Protein backbone atom coordinates (compact mmCIF):
# COMPACT_ATOMS: atom_id res chain seq x y z
CA MET A 1 31.59 -92.30 42.93
CA ASP A 2 34.18 -90.63 45.09
CA ILE A 3 34.25 -87.05 45.33
CA GLN A 4 37.70 -85.84 44.72
CA ILE A 5 38.57 -82.76 46.39
CA LEU A 6 41.49 -81.95 44.40
CA GLN A 7 39.84 -82.00 40.89
CA ILE A 8 37.11 -79.90 42.25
CA LEU A 9 39.48 -77.52 44.05
CA PHE A 10 41.02 -77.33 40.27
CA GLN A 11 37.98 -76.76 38.50
CA ILE A 12 37.41 -74.26 41.47
CA ILE A 13 40.77 -72.32 40.29
CA ASN A 14 40.30 -73.15 36.89
CA PHE A 15 36.79 -71.41 36.69
CA GLY A 16 38.34 -68.60 38.79
CA VAL A 17 41.25 -67.98 36.49
CA VAL A 18 38.60 -68.11 33.27
CA LEU A 19 36.40 -65.49 35.01
CA ALA A 20 39.20 -63.19 35.99
CA ALA A 21 40.49 -63.55 32.58
CA LEU A 22 36.97 -62.89 30.73
CA THR A 23 36.36 -59.77 33.32
CA PHE A 24 39.62 -58.29 32.67
CA LEU A 25 39.58 -59.05 28.80
CA MET A 26 36.39 -58.98 27.98
CA TYR A 27 33.73 -57.72 30.69
CA LYS A 28 35.70 -54.43 31.96
CA PRO A 29 36.44 -53.01 28.05
CA MET A 30 32.80 -54.11 27.18
CA ILE A 31 31.40 -51.90 30.10
CA LYS A 32 33.65 -49.23 29.37
CA ALA A 33 32.66 -49.40 25.52
CA LEU A 34 28.91 -49.44 26.39
CA GLN A 35 29.64 -46.54 29.06
CA GLN A 36 31.45 -44.37 26.26
CA ARG A 37 28.70 -45.48 23.87
CA SER A 38 25.79 -44.55 26.33
CA LYS A 39 27.97 -41.05 27.16
CA LYS A 40 28.05 -40.40 23.32
CA ILE A 41 24.45 -40.98 23.01
CA GLU A 42 23.75 -38.49 26.06
CA ASP A 43 25.76 -36.40 24.47
CA ALA A 44 24.13 -36.41 21.20
CA GLU A 45 20.71 -36.49 22.71
CA LYS A 46 21.93 -32.90 24.74
CA ALA A 47 23.17 -31.38 21.81
CA ALA A 48 20.02 -32.54 19.72
CA ASN A 49 18.02 -30.82 22.52
CA GLU A 50 19.93 -27.72 22.76
CA MET A 51 19.65 -27.52 18.85
CA LEU A 52 15.91 -28.03 18.98
CA THR A 53 15.58 -25.16 21.73
CA GLU A 54 18.09 -22.99 19.67
CA LYS A 55 15.47 -23.82 16.57
CA GLU A 56 12.79 -22.82 18.56
CA ALA A 57 13.96 -19.96 20.01
CA MET A 58 15.29 -18.78 16.46
CA GLU A 59 11.76 -19.59 15.08
CA LYS A 60 10.23 -17.49 18.13
CA THR A 61 12.89 -14.52 16.72
CA LYS A 62 11.80 -15.34 13.04
CA GLN A 63 8.32 -14.97 13.95
CA LYS A 64 8.65 -11.90 15.93
CA VAL A 65 10.60 -10.07 13.48
CA LEU A 66 8.33 -11.24 10.93
CA SER A 67 5.63 -9.90 13.07
CA ASP A 68 7.43 -6.57 13.75
CA ALA A 69 8.00 -6.21 9.85
CA LYS A 70 4.45 -6.66 8.89
CA LYS A 71 3.62 -4.17 11.50
CA GLN A 72 5.88 -1.52 10.33
CA ALA A 73 4.77 -2.34 6.89
CA THR A 74 1.10 -1.95 7.60
CA THR A 75 2.02 1.32 9.42
CA ILE A 76 3.86 2.66 6.51
CA MET A 77 0.99 1.66 3.94
CA ASN A 78 -1.62 3.45 6.21
CA GLU A 79 0.83 6.33 6.29
CA VAL A 80 1.33 6.26 2.50
CA GLU A 81 -2.71 5.82 1.75
CA GLU A 82 -3.34 8.73 4.10
CA LYS A 83 -0.76 10.96 2.35
CA ALA A 84 -1.97 9.53 -0.78
CA GLU A 85 -5.56 10.72 0.46
CA LEU A 86 -4.48 13.92 1.49
CA ARG A 87 -2.81 14.75 -1.84
CA LYS A 88 -5.81 13.49 -3.98
CA GLN A 89 -8.13 15.90 -1.70
CA GLU A 90 -5.67 18.66 -2.58
CA LEU A 91 -5.39 17.95 -6.22
CA MET A 92 -9.38 17.84 -6.39
CA LYS A 93 -9.80 20.88 -4.66
CA LYS A 94 -6.97 22.57 -6.96
CA ALA A 95 -8.65 21.38 -9.96
CA LYS A 96 -12.14 22.28 -8.78
CA GLU A 97 -10.57 25.76 -8.32
CA GLU A 98 -9.07 25.95 -11.75
CA VAL A 99 -12.40 24.64 -13.19
CA LYS A 100 -14.21 27.36 -11.46
CA GLU A 101 -11.67 29.75 -12.48
CA PHE A 102 -12.14 28.83 -16.01
CA VAL A 103 -15.62 28.62 -16.12
CA GLN A 104 -15.84 32.35 -14.67
CA GLU A 105 -13.22 33.72 -17.29
CA GLU A 106 -15.10 31.84 -19.67
CA LYS A 107 -18.73 33.34 -18.51
CA THR A 108 -16.82 36.78 -18.35
CA LYS A 109 -15.53 36.29 -22.01
CA TRP A 110 -19.21 35.35 -23.12
CA GLU A 111 -20.70 38.04 -21.50
CA ASP A 112 -18.18 40.53 -23.06
CA GLU A 113 -18.66 39.20 -26.56
CA LYS A 114 -22.43 39.15 -25.91
CA SER A 115 -22.19 42.59 -25.02
CA SER A 116 -20.35 43.77 -28.19
CA MET A 117 -22.33 41.69 -30.45
CA LEU A 118 -25.55 43.36 -29.04
CA LYS A 119 -23.92 46.64 -29.64
CA ILE A 120 -22.85 46.11 -33.18
CA LEU A 121 -26.70 44.72 -33.87
CA GLU A 122 -28.04 47.76 -32.28
CA LYS A 123 -25.67 49.83 -34.79
CA ASP A 124 -26.73 47.83 -37.68
CA PHE A 125 -30.66 47.45 -36.76
CA ALA A 126 -30.81 51.45 -36.46
CA LYS A 127 -28.88 51.69 -39.65
CA ALA A 128 -31.34 49.61 -41.00
CA VAL A 129 -34.25 51.20 -39.71
CA PHE A 130 -33.01 54.76 -40.76
CA GLN A 131 -32.41 53.45 -44.29
CA ILE A 132 -35.89 51.91 -44.52
CA SER A 133 -37.65 54.57 -42.78
CA GLU A 134 -35.99 56.90 -45.51
CA LYS A 135 -37.13 54.76 -48.45
CA VAL A 136 -40.42 54.38 -47.02
CA LEU A 137 -40.91 58.12 -46.43
CA GLY A 138 -38.94 59.22 -49.16
CA GLN A 139 -37.10 61.78 -47.15
CA SER A 140 -34.14 61.97 -44.67
CA VAL A 141 -35.28 61.07 -41.14
CA ASP A 142 -33.89 62.82 -38.12
CA GLN A 143 -31.45 60.42 -36.55
CA LYS A 144 -31.25 61.73 -32.92
CA ALA A 145 -35.06 61.58 -32.55
CA HIS A 146 -35.61 58.41 -33.79
CA SER A 147 -32.45 57.05 -32.04
CA LYS A 148 -34.17 57.15 -28.53
CA LEU A 149 -37.28 55.29 -29.75
CA ILE A 150 -35.04 52.59 -31.56
CA ASP A 151 -33.02 52.48 -28.55
CA GLN A 152 -36.00 51.94 -26.17
CA SER A 153 -37.71 49.18 -28.73
CA ILE A 154 -34.23 47.42 -28.82
CA ALA A 155 -33.89 47.34 -25.07
CA GLU A 156 -37.14 46.16 -24.83
CA VAL A 157 -36.18 43.35 -27.54
CA ILE A 158 -33.42 42.54 -25.19
CA LYS A 159 -35.40 42.34 -22.27
CA SER A 160 -37.37 39.69 -23.86
CA LEU A 161 -34.67 37.78 -24.83
C-alpha cells in the first residue's frame, strides 16, 4: 500500500470544492433563512409583548374607568337618596300640617254645631217646660221669671255633660 499523494491531493481538492459548493449553495442560504425566521420570531414575540402590555394598560384603564363610574354612580345614588329623604320629610311635614289644619277645622265645625244644637235644645226644652207647667198649673206661666230658672238648670245639665 502505497500512499499516492496525487490521489490524496485530488481528494482534498474535491472535498474543498464540495465543501465550498455546499457552503455557498446550502449553508449560507440555510443560515440566512434561519436568521430570518429567528428575526420573525423575535419580532412576533416583541409584537406579542407589546400587545400584552397594551392589553394590560387597557385593562387598567378599563378598571379605572369602571371604578370611577361606580364612584360617580354611588355619589349620584347618595345624592338622590338624600334628596328623596328631604322630599319625604317635607311631604310628611306638609301632610301633618294639613291633617292638623283639617282636624282643627273639623273640631271648630263640631264645636259650632254642638253650640247651635245646644241652643236649639235649650229653646225646645224651655218651650216644653212652659207647656208642661201651663198644663200642670192650669194657667199661663210668666216666661221671663221661669226663663232664668230654666237657663240655670240647663247650664247645670250642660256642665254635667
